[in-house]
PDB file of N, CA and C in Angstrom:
ATOM      1  N   UNK A   1      16.561   6.484  17.212  1.00  0.00           N
ATOM      2  CA  UNK A   1      16.523   5.975  16.600  1.00  0.00           C
ATOM      3  C   UNK A   1      15.008   7.120  15.921  1.00  0.00           C
ATOM      4  N   UNK A   2      15.159   8.869  15.733  1.00  0.00           N
ATOM      5  CA  UNK A   2      14.034   9.629  15.698  1.00  0.00           C
ATOM      6  C   UNK A   2      12.712   9.216  14.066  1.00  0.00           C
ATOM      7  N   UNK A   3      12.096   9.857  14.687  1.00  0.00           N
ATOM      8  CA  UNK A   3      11.139   9.303  13.165  1.00  0.00           C
ATOM      9  C   UNK A   3      12.029   9.479  11.812  1.00  0.00           C
ATOM     10  N   UNK A   4      12.894  10.157  12.096  1.00  0.00           N
ATOM     11  CA  UNK A   4      13.556  10.686  10.366  1.00  0.00           C
ATOM     12  C   UNK A   4      13.592   9.770   9.499  1.00  0.00           C
ATOM     13  N   UNK A   5      14.705   8.824  10.069  1.00  0.00           N
ATOM     14  CA  UNK A   5      15.652   7.428   9.745  1.00  0.00           C
ATOM     15  C   UNK A   5      13.691   6.307   9.684  1.00  0.00           C
ATOM     16  N   UNK A   6      13.033   6.242  10.838  1.00  0.00           N
ATOM     17  CA  UNK A   6      11.928   5.403  10.419  1.00  0.00           C
ATOM     18  C   UNK A   6      11.127   5.737   9.174  1.00  0.00           C
ATOM     19  N   UNK A   7      10.888   7.022   8.931  1.00  0.00           N
ATOM     20  CA  UNK A   7       9.827   7.347   7.997  1.00  0.00           C
ATOM     21  C   UNK A   7      10.621   6.825   6.676  1.00  0.00           C
ATOM     22  N   UNK A   8      11.700   6.670   6.435  1.00  0.00           N
ATOM     23  CA  UNK A   8      12.723   6.834   5.368  1.00  0.00           C
ATOM     24  C   UNK A   8      12.901   5.278   5.427  1.00  0.00           C
ATOM     25  N   UNK A   9      12.056   4.662   6.188  1.00  0.00           N
ATOM     26  CA  UNK A   9      12.668   3.050   6.139  1.00  0.00           C
ATOM     27  C   UNK A   9      11.654   2.399   5.570  1.00  0.00           C
ATOM     28  N   UNK A  10      10.300   2.826   6.659  1.00  0.00           N
ATOM     29  CA  UNK A  10       8.530   2.314   5.170  1.00  0.00           C
ATOM     30  C   UNK A  10       8.891   3.199   4.114  1.00  0.00           C
ATOM     31  N   UNK A  11       9.532   4.408   3.998  1.00  0.00           N
ATOM     32  CA  UNK A  11       8.968   4.397   2.184  1.00  0.00           C
ATOM     33  C   UNK A  11      10.279   3.781   1.672  1.00  0.00           C
ATOM     34  N   UNK A  12      11.012   3.212   2.259  1.00  0.00           N
ATOM     35  CA  UNK A  12      11.512   2.537   0.980  1.00  0.00           C
ATOM     36  C   UNK A  12      10.792   1.373   1.119  1.00  0.00           C
ATOM     37  N   UNK A  13      11.041   0.864   2.761  1.00  0.00           N
ATOM     38  CA  UNK A  13       9.984  -0.822   2.695  1.00  0.00           C
ATOM     39  C   UNK A  13       9.090  -0.949   1.558  1.00  0.00           C
ATOM     40  N   UNK A  14       8.283   0.789   1.643  1.00  0.00           N
ATOM     41  CA  UNK A  14       6.775   0.472   0.910  1.00  0.00           C
ATOM     42  C   UNK A  14       7.138   0.481  -1.000  1.00  0.00           C
ATOM     43  N   UNK A  15       8.318   0.910  -1.155  1.00  0.00           N
ATOM     44  CA  UNK A  15       8.826   1.020  -2.664  1.00  0.00           C
ATOM     45  C   UNK A  15       8.497  -0.285  -3.056  1.00  0.00           C
ATOM     46  N   UNK A  16       9.634  -1.191  -2.336  1.00  0.00           N
ATOM     47  CA  UNK A  16      10.317  -2.607  -2.684  1.00  0.00           C
ATOM     48  C   UNK A  16       9.144  -3.290  -2.627  1.00  0.00           C
ATOM     49  N   UNK A  17       8.013  -3.271  -2.028  1.00  0.00           N
ATOM     50  CA  UNK A  17       7.393  -4.548  -1.607  1.00  0.00           C
ATOM     51  C   UNK A  17       6.197  -4.101  -2.770  1.00  0.00           C
ATOM     52  N   UNK A  18       6.204  -2.648  -2.963  1.00  0.00           N
ATOM     53  CA  UNK A  18       5.000  -2.265  -3.952  1.00  0.00           C
ATOM     54  C   UNK A  18       6.012  -3.007  -5.120  1.00  0.00           C
ATOM     55  N   UNK A  19       6.399  -3.253  -6.038  1.00  0.00           N
ATOM     56  CA  UNK A  19       7.921  -3.552  -6.768  1.00  0.00           C
ATOM     57  C   UNK A  19       7.283  -4.360  -6.911  1.00  0.00           C
ATOM     58  N   UNK A  20       7.776  -5.719  -5.863  1.00  0.00           N
ATOM     59  CA  UNK A  20       6.928  -6.884  -5.728  1.00  0.00           C
ATOM     60  C   UNK A  20       6.029  -7.517  -6.577  1.00  0.00           C
ATOM     61  N   UNK A  21       5.297  -6.398  -5.721  1.00  0.00           N
ATOM     62  CA  UNK A  21       3.872  -7.217  -5.577  1.00  0.00           C
ATOM     63  C   UNK A  21       3.914  -6.538  -7.464  1.00  0.00           C
ATOM     64  N   UNK A  22       4.058  -5.843  -7.576  1.00  0.00           N
ATOM     65  CA  UNK A  22       4.053  -5.187  -9.229  1.00  0.00           C
ATOM     66  C   UNK A  22       4.186  -6.958 -10.440  1.00  0.00           C
ATOM     67  N   UNK A  23       5.656  -7.164 -10.167  1.00  0.00           N
ATOM     68  CA  UNK A  23       6.316  -7.894 -10.307  1.00  0.00           C
ATOM     69  C   UNK A  23       5.508  -8.869 -10.361  1.00  0.00           C
ATOM     70  N   UNK A  24       5.164  -9.649  -9.359  1.00  0.00           N
ATOM     71  CA  UNK A  24       4.308 -10.466  -9.443  1.00  0.00           C
ATOM     72  C   UNK A  24       5.282 -11.562  -8.146  1.00  0.00           C
ATOM     73  N   UNK A  25       6.295 -11.008  -7.781  1.00  0.00           N
ATOM     74  CA  UNK A  25       7.453 -11.598  -7.234  1.00  0.00           C
ATOM     75  C   UNK A  25       6.641 -11.913  -5.403  1.00  0.00           C
ATOM     76  N   UNK A  26       5.900 -11.021  -5.715  1.00  0.00           N
ATOM     77  CA  UNK A  26       5.494 -10.788  -3.745  1.00  0.00           C
ATOM     78  C   UNK A  26       4.220 -11.301  -3.146  1.00  0.00           C
ATOM     79  N   UNK A  27       3.550 -11.920  -3.745  1.00  0.00           N
ATOM     80  CA  UNK A  27       2.604 -12.930  -3.065  1.00  0.00           C
ATOM     81  C   UNK A  27       2.812 -13.487  -2.002  1.00  0.00           C
ATOM     82  N   UNK A  28       3.656 -13.538  -1.326  1.00  0.00           N
ATOM     83  CA  UNK A  28       3.825 -13.803   0.260  1.00  0.00           C
ATOM     84  C   UNK A  28       3.433 -13.189   1.426  1.00  0.00           C
ATOM     85  N   UNK A  29       3.187 -11.737   0.488  1.00  0.00           N
ATOM     86  CA  UNK A  29       2.926 -10.606   1.802  1.00  0.00           C
ATOM     87  C   UNK A  29       1.540 -10.183   1.450  1.00  0.00           C
ATOM     88  N   UNK A  30       1.248 -10.920   0.345  1.00  0.00           N
ATOM     89  CA  UNK A  30      -0.529 -12.186   0.604  1.00  0.00           C
ATOM     90  C   UNK A  30      -1.071 -12.551   1.068  1.00  0.00           C
ATOM     91  N   UNK A  31      -0.885 -13.211   1.760  1.00  0.00           N
ATOM     92  CA  UNK A  31      -0.721 -14.175   2.546  1.00  0.00           C
ATOM     93  C   UNK A  31      -1.398 -14.062   4.384  1.00  0.00           C
ATOM     94  N   UNK A  32      -2.673 -14.404   4.260  1.00  0.00           N
ATOM     95  CA  UNK A  32      -3.473 -14.765   5.433  1.00  0.00           C
ATOM     96  C   UNK A  32      -3.232 -15.516   6.136  1.00  0.00           C
ATOM     97  N   UNK A  33      -4.664 -14.966   6.865  1.00  0.00           N
ATOM     98  CA  UNK A  33      -5.472 -16.673   7.998  1.00  0.00           C
ATOM     99  C   UNK A  33      -6.591 -17.549   6.776  1.00  0.00           C
ATOM    100  N   UNK A  34      -7.212 -16.997   5.925  1.00  0.00           N
ATOM    101  CA  UNK A  34      -7.846 -17.883   5.251  1.00  0.00           C
ATOM    102  C   UNK A  34      -7.245 -17.766   3.876  1.00  0.00           C
ATOM    103  N   UNK A  35      -6.821 -18.220   3.650  1.00  0.00           N
ATOM    104  CA  UNK A  35      -5.956 -18.076   1.961  1.00  0.00           C
ATOM    105  C   UNK A  35      -6.606 -18.805   1.213  1.00  0.00           C
ATOM    106  N   UNK A  36      -7.780 -20.158   1.343  1.00  0.00           N
ATOM    107  CA  UNK A  36      -8.415 -20.737   1.005  1.00  0.00           C
ATOM    108  C   UNK A  36      -9.267 -19.232   0.990  1.00  0.00           C
ATOM    109  N   UNK A  37     -10.195 -19.941   1.583  1.00  0.00           N
ATOM    110  CA  UNK A  37     -11.643 -18.587   1.444  1.00  0.00           C
ATOM    111  C   UNK A  37     -11.041 -17.259   0.718  1.00  0.00           C
ATOM    112  N   UNK A  38     -10.157 -16.975   0.191  1.00  0.00           N
ATOM    113  CA  UNK A  38      -9.229 -16.000  -0.510  1.00  0.00           C
ATOM    114  C   UNK A  38      -8.999 -15.988  -1.428  1.00  0.00           C
ATOM    115  N   UNK A  39      -8.381 -17.589  -1.845  1.00  0.00           N
ATOM    116  CA  UNK A  39      -8.541 -17.353  -3.308  1.00  0.00           C
ATOM    117  C   UNK A  39      -9.405 -17.966  -3.765  1.00  0.00           C
ATOM    118  N   UNK A  40     -11.043 -18.906  -3.494  1.00  0.00           N
ATOM    119  CA  UNK A  40     -12.466 -19.052  -3.698  1.00  0.00           C
ATOM    120  C   UNK A  40     -13.177 -18.180  -4.429  1.00  0.00           C
ATOM    121  N   UNK A  41     -12.716 -16.407  -3.178  1.00  0.00           N
ATOM    122  CA  UNK A  41     -13.588 -14.980  -3.590  1.00  0.00           C
ATOM    123  C   UNK A  41     -13.046 -14.256  -4.518  1.00  0.00           C
ATOM    124  N   UNK A  42     -11.249 -14.177  -4.018  1.00  0.00           N
ATOM    125  CA  UNK A  42     -10.876 -13.291  -5.047  1.00  0.00           C
ATOM    126  C   UNK A  42      -9.296 -13.184  -6.347  1.00  0.00           C
ATOM    127  N   UNK A  43      -9.551 -13.142  -7.201  1.00  0.00           N
ATOM    128  CA  UNK A  43      -8.462 -12.562  -7.872  1.00  0.00           C
ATOM    129  C   UNK A  43      -7.267 -12.276  -7.554  1.00  0.00           C
ATOM    130  N   UNK A  44      -6.478 -13.908  -7.105  1.00  0.00           N
ATOM    131  CA  UNK A  44      -5.107 -12.467  -6.584  1.00  0.00           C
ATOM    132  C   UNK A  44      -3.999 -12.104  -7.698  1.00  0.00           C
ATOM    133  N   UNK A  45      -4.176 -12.576  -8.510  1.00  0.00           N
ATOM    134  CA  UNK A  45      -3.470 -10.631  -9.345  1.00  0.00           C
ATOM    135  C   UNK A  45      -3.650  -9.975  -9.558  1.00  0.00           C
ATOM    136  N   UNK A  46      -5.639  -9.579  -9.153  1.00  0.00           N
ATOM    137  CA  UNK A  46      -5.758  -8.357  -9.202  1.00  0.00           C
ATOM    138  C   UNK A  46      -5.662  -7.828  -7.869  1.00  0.00           C
ATOM    139  N   UNK A  47      -5.678  -8.539  -6.723  1.00  0.00           N
ATOM    140  CA  UNK A  47      -4.884  -8.125  -5.227  1.00  0.00           C
ATOM    141  C   UNK A  47      -3.071  -7.582  -5.429  1.00  0.00           C
ATOM    142  N   UNK A  48      -2.300  -8.610  -6.175  1.00  0.00           N
ATOM    143  CA  UNK A  48      -1.651  -7.949  -6.052  1.00  0.00           C
ATOM    144  C   UNK A  48      -0.642  -6.720  -6.858  1.00  0.00           C
ATOM    145  N   UNK A  49      -1.526  -6.853  -7.927  1.00  0.00           N
ATOM    146  CA  UNK A  49      -1.008  -4.955  -8.837  1.00  0.00           C
ATOM    147  C   UNK A  49      -2.304  -4.235  -7.725  1.00  0.00           C
ATOM    148  N   UNK A  50      -3.096  -4.304  -7.181  1.00  0.00           N
ATOM    149  CA  UNK A  50      -4.056  -3.424  -6.502  1.00  0.00           C
ATOM    150  C   UNK A  50      -2.977  -2.912  -5.440  1.00  0.00           C
ATOM    151  N   UNK A  51      -2.302  -3.908  -4.990  1.00  0.00           N
ATOM    152  CA  UNK A  51      -1.494  -3.315  -4.090  1.00  0.00           C
ATOM    153  C   UNK A  51      -0.582  -3.363  -3.314  1.00  0.00           C
ATOM    154  N   UNK A  52      -0.373  -3.479  -4.690  1.00  0.00           N
ATOM    155  CA  UNK A  52       1.215  -2.975  -5.660  1.00  0.00           C
ATOM    156  C   UNK A  52       0.742  -1.607  -5.880  1.00  0.00           C
ATOM    157  N   UNK A  53       0.128  -0.997  -6.521  1.00  0.00           N
ATOM    158  CA  UNK A  53      -0.055   0.305  -7.109  1.00  0.00           C
ATOM    159  C   UNK A  53      -0.274   0.961  -5.224  1.00  0.00           C
ATOM    160  N   UNK A  54      -1.133   0.430  -4.360  1.00  0.00           N
ATOM    161  CA  UNK A  54      -1.648   1.878  -3.378  1.00  0.00           C
ATOM    162  C   UNK A  54      -0.554   1.548  -2.380  1.00  0.00           C
ATOM    163  N   UNK A  55       0.635   0.423  -1.978  1.00  0.00           N
ATOM    164  CA  UNK A  55       1.862  -0.154  -1.419  1.00  0.00           C
ATOM    165  C   UNK A  55       2.532   1.541  -2.436  1.00  0.00           C
ATOM    166  N   UNK A  56       2.991   2.189  -3.366  1.00  0.00           N
ATOM    167  CA  UNK A  56       4.469   2.696  -3.985  1.00  0.00           C
ATOM    168  C   UNK A  56       3.540   4.122  -3.711  1.00  0.00           C
ATOM    169  N   UNK A  57       2.179   4.109  -3.853  1.00  0.00           N
ATOM    170  CA  UNK A  57       2.050   5.818  -3.543  1.00  0.00           C
ATOM    171  C   UNK A  57       1.586   5.703  -2.522  1.00  0.00           C
ATOM    172  N   UNK A  58       1.601   4.946  -1.494  1.00  0.00           N
ATOM    173  CA  UNK A  58       1.621   5.354   0.317  1.00  0.00           C
ATOM    174  C   UNK A  58       3.567   6.033   0.163  1.00  0.00           C
ATOM    175  N   UNK A  59       4.301   5.191  -0.346  1.00  0.00           N
ATOM    176  CA  UNK A  59       5.122   5.613  -0.764  1.00  0.00           C
ATOM    177  C   UNK A  59       5.949   7.324  -1.207  1.00  0.00           C
ATOM    178  N   UNK A  60       5.218   7.329  -1.843  1.00  0.00           N
ATOM    179  CA  UNK A  60       5.321   8.635  -3.198  1.00  0.00           C
ATOM    180  C   UNK A  60       4.758   9.158  -2.106  1.00  0.00           C
ATOM    181  N   UNK A  61       4.060   9.869  -1.271  1.00  0.00           N
ATOM    182  CA  UNK A  61       3.216  10.724  -0.430  1.00  0.00           C
ATOM    183  C   UNK A  61       3.664  10.155   0.741  1.00  0.00           C
ATOM    184  N   UNK A  62       4.231   9.535   1.200  1.00  0.00           N
ATOM    185  CA  UNK A  62       5.472   9.467   2.696  1.00  0.00           C
ATOM    186  C   UNK A  62       7.268  10.307   2.046  1.00  0.00           C
ATOM    187  N   UNK A  63       7.409   9.674   0.333  1.00  0.00           N
ATOM    188  CA  UNK A  63       8.546  10.646   0.416  1.00  0.00           C
ATOM    189  C   UNK A  63       7.969  11.897   0.198  1.00  0.00           C
ATOM    190  N   UNK A  64       7.394  12.546   0.270  1.00  0.00           N
ATOM    191  CA  UNK A  64       6.709  14.393   0.459  1.00  0.00           C
ATOM    192  C   UNK A  64       6.919  14.467   1.214  1.00  0.00           C
ATOM    193  N   UNK A  65       5.913  13.988   2.232  1.00  0.00           N
ATOM    194  CA  UNK A  65       6.191  14.114   4.100  1.00  0.00           C
ATOM    195  C   UNK A  65       7.420  14.720   4.491  1.00  0.00           C
ATOM    196  N   UNK A  66       8.322  13.158   4.000  1.00  0.00           N
ATOM    197  CA  UNK A  66      10.041  13.546   4.933  1.00  0.00           C
ATOM    198  C   UNK A  66      10.160  15.440   4.584  1.00  0.00           C
ATOM    199  N   UNK A  67       9.656  15.595   2.789  1.00  0.00           N
ATOM    200  CA  UNK A  67      10.036  16.862   2.996  1.00  0.00           C
ATOM    201  C   UNK A  67       9.324  17.913   3.425  1.00  0.00           C
ATOM    202  N   UNK A  68       8.490  18.407   4.268  1.00  0.00           N
ATOM    203  CA  UNK A  68       7.602  18.935   4.924  1.00  0.00           C
ATOM    204  C   UNK A  68       6.914  18.437   6.047  1.00  0.00           C
ATOM    205  N   UNK A  69       7.236  19.934   6.541  1.00  0.00           N
ATOM    206  CA  UNK A  69       6.885  20.596   7.996  1.00  0.00           C
ATOM    207  C   UNK A  69       5.624  20.930   8.087  1.00  0.00           C
ATOM    208  N   UNK A  70       5.511  21.749   7.415  1.00  0.00           N
ATOM    209  CA  UNK A  70       3.716  22.685   8.220  1.00  0.00           C
ATOM    210  C   UNK A  70       2.772  21.670   8.259  1.00  0.00           C
ATOM    211  N   UNK A  71       2.605  22.080   9.336  1.00  0.00           N
ATOM    212  CA  UNK A  71       1.023  21.031   9.347  1.00  0.00           C
ATOM    213  C   UNK A  71       0.167  21.078   8.503  1.00  0.00           C
ATOM    214  N   UNK A  72      -0.365  21.682   8.041  1.00  0.00           N
ATOM    215  CA  UNK A  72      -1.190  21.589   6.215  1.00  0.00           C
ATOM    216  C   UNK A  72      -1.139  20.561   5.725  1.00  0.00           C
ATOM    217  N   UNK A  73       0.252  20.484   5.242  1.00  0.00           N
ATOM    218  CA  UNK A  73       1.035  18.948   5.190  1.00  0.00           C
ATOM    219  C   UNK A  73       1.114  17.959   6.276  1.00  0.00           C
ATOM    220  N   UNK A  74       1.410  17.932   6.639  1.00  0.00           N
ATOM    221  CA  UNK A  74       0.670  16.011   7.356  1.00  0.00           C
ATOM    222  C   UNK A  74      -1.152  16.842   7.511  1.00  0.00           C
ATOM    223  N   UNK A  75      -1.715  16.759   7.800  1.00  0.00           N
ATOM    224  CA  UNK A  75      -3.485  16.893   7.824  1.00  0.00           C
ATOM    225  C   UNK A  75      -2.919  16.091   5.773  1.00  0.00           C
ATOM    226  N   UNK A  76      -2.720  16.929   5.489  1.00  0.00           N
ATOM    227  CA  UNK A  76      -2.808  16.465   4.515  1.00  0.00           C
ATOM    228  C   UNK A  76      -3.039  15.160   3.962  1.00  0.00           C
ATOM    229  N   UNK A  77      -1.122  14.786   4.458  1.00  0.00           N
ATOM    230  CA  UNK A  77      -0.921  13.178   3.925  1.00  0.00           C
ATOM    231  C   UNK A  77      -1.687  12.689   5.496  1.00  0.00           C
ATOM    232  N   UNK A  78      -1.675  13.192   5.866  1.00  0.00           N
ATOM    233  CA  UNK A  78      -3.071  11.989   6.454  1.00  0.00           C
ATOM    234  C   UNK A  78      -4.273  11.450   5.436  1.00  0.00           C
ATOM    235  N   UNK A  79      -4.527  12.320   5.361  1.00  0.00           N
ATOM    236  CA  UNK A  79      -5.794  12.431   4.075  1.00  0.00           C
ATOM    237  C   UNK A  79      -5.643  11.089   2.735  1.00  0.00           C
ATOM    238  N   UNK A  80      -4.224  11.563   2.673  1.00  0.00           N
ATOM    239  CA  UNK A  80      -4.196  10.812   1.640  1.00  0.00           C
ATOM    240  C   UNK A  80      -4.254   9.323   1.557  1.00  0.00           C
ATOM    241  N   UNK A  81      -3.824   9.189   2.678  1.00  0.00           N
ATOM    242  CA  UNK A  81      -3.547   7.668   3.024  1.00  0.00           C
ATOM    243  C   UNK A  81      -4.426   7.355   3.221  1.00  0.00           C
ATOM    244  N   UNK A  82      -5.559   8.144   4.072  1.00  0.00           N
ATOM    245  CA  UNK A  82      -6.404   7.581   4.259  1.00  0.00           C
ATOM    246  C   UNK A  82      -7.578   7.323   2.664  1.00  0.00           C
ATOM    247  N   UNK A  83      -7.232   8.372   2.060  1.00  0.00           N
ATOM    248  CA  UNK A  83      -8.267   8.376   0.343  1.00  0.00           C
ATOM    249  C   UNK A  83      -7.189   6.545  -0.605  1.00  0.00           C
ATOM    250  N   UNK A  84      -6.028   6.461   0.088  1.00  0.00           N
ATOM    251  CA  UNK A  84      -5.381   5.795  -0.517  1.00  0.00           C
ATOM    252  C   UNK A  84      -6.337   3.863   0.142  1.00  0.00           C
ATOM    253  N   UNK A  85      -6.104   3.969   0.986  1.00  0.00           N
ATOM    254  CA  UNK A  85      -6.282   3.098   1.601  1.00  0.00           C
ATOM    255  C   UNK A  85      -8.420   2.799   1.308  1.00  0.00           C
ATOM    256  N   UNK A  86      -9.009   3.708   0.924  1.00  0.00           N
ATOM    257  CA  UNK A  86     -10.348   3.401   1.475  1.00  0.00           C
ATOM    258  C   UNK A  86     -10.242   2.803  -0.081  1.00  0.00           C
ATOM    259  N   UNK A  87      -9.302   3.672  -1.075  1.00  0.00           N
ATOM    260  CA  UNK A  87      -9.450   3.570  -2.569  1.00  0.00           C
ATOM    261  C   UNK A  87      -8.821   1.742  -2.836  1.00  0.00           C
ATOM    262  N   UNK A  88      -7.754   1.447  -1.975  1.00  0.00           N
ATOM    263  CA  UNK A  88      -7.739   0.183  -2.046  1.00  0.00           C
ATOM    264  C   UNK A  88      -8.902  -0.630  -1.766  1.00  0.00           C
ATOM    265  N   UNK A  89      -9.462  -0.996  -0.665  1.00  0.00           N
ATOM    266  CA  UNK A  89     -10.273  -1.685   0.381  1.00  0.00           C
ATOM    267  C   UNK A  89     -12.015  -1.493  -1.351  1.00  0.00           C
ATOM    268  N   UNK A  90     -12.056  -0.491  -1.681  1.00  0.00           N
ATOM    269  CA  UNK A  90     -13.145  -0.459  -2.709  1.00  0.00           C
ATOM    270  C   UNK A  90     -13.009  -1.062  -3.538  1.00  0.00           C
ATOM    271  N   UNK A  91     -11.526  -1.276  -4.143  1.00  0.00           N
ATOM    272  CA  UNK A  91     -11.371  -1.675  -5.256  1.00  0.00           C
ATOM    273  C   UNK A  91     -11.319  -3.088  -5.306  1.00  0.00           C
ATOM    274  N   UNK A  92     -10.468  -3.337  -4.412  1.00  0.00           N
ATOM    275  CA  UNK A  92     -11.102  -5.173  -3.380  1.00  0.00           C
ATOM    276  C   UNK A  92     -12.304  -5.443  -3.657  1.00  0.00           C
ATOM    277  N   UNK A  93     -13.306  -4.992  -3.088  1.00  0.00           N
ATOM    278  CA  UNK A  93     -13.923  -5.567  -3.061  1.00  0.00           C
ATOM    279  C   UNK A  93     -15.046  -5.567  -4.378  1.00  0.00           C
ATOM    280  N   UNK A  94     -15.130  -3.983  -4.975  1.00  0.00           N
ATOM    281  CA  UNK A  94     -15.539  -4.694  -6.549  1.00  0.00           C
ATOM    282  C   UNK A  94     -15.199  -5.198  -7.470  1.00  0.00           C
ATOM    283  N   UNK A  95     -13.899  -4.590  -7.301  1.00  0.00           N
ATOM    284  CA  UNK A  95     -12.888  -5.595  -9.102  1.00  0.00           C
ATOM    285  C   UNK A  95     -12.445  -6.651  -8.709  1.00  0.00           C
ATOM    286  N   UNK A  96     -12.152  -7.316  -7.692  1.00  0.00           N
ATOM    287  CA  UNK A  96     -11.238  -8.376  -7.839  1.00  0.00           C
ATOM    288  C   UNK A  96     -11.909  -9.816  -7.426  1.00  0.00           C
ATOM    289  N   UNK A  97     -13.034  -9.596  -7.078  1.00  0.00           N
ATOM    290  CA  UNK A  97     -14.096 -10.416  -6.821  1.00  0.00           C
ATOM    291  C   UNK A  97     -14.387 -11.725  -7.941  1.00  0.00           C
ATOM    292  N   UNK A  98     -14.246 -12.954  -8.341  1.00  0.00           N
ATOM    293  CA  UNK A  98     -15.052 -14.204  -9.214  1.00  0.00           C
ATOM    294  C   UNK A  98     -15.491 -14.087  -9.758  1.00  0.00           C
TER     295      UNK A  98
END
């Protein structure tokens, strides 16, 4: 198995899980060790929607990365992933608290 097939699998998985989270059927993907504390502090519906959008964006960026080979695009891919993750964390900390 080479890295291209792994990237395809991860891209498809990101799209599927992202769509499940956006439609409200992917709550199982948000369960963690301290789910009771998380339920008290955060709005789970907003968390699911934000995580779904972030995963779909990651899937789009990963799909674009499949078709590019230049080093500049690889650096832009990593930068885009970091921006998406930092944006998700900031949104969760600022907008999803009860």
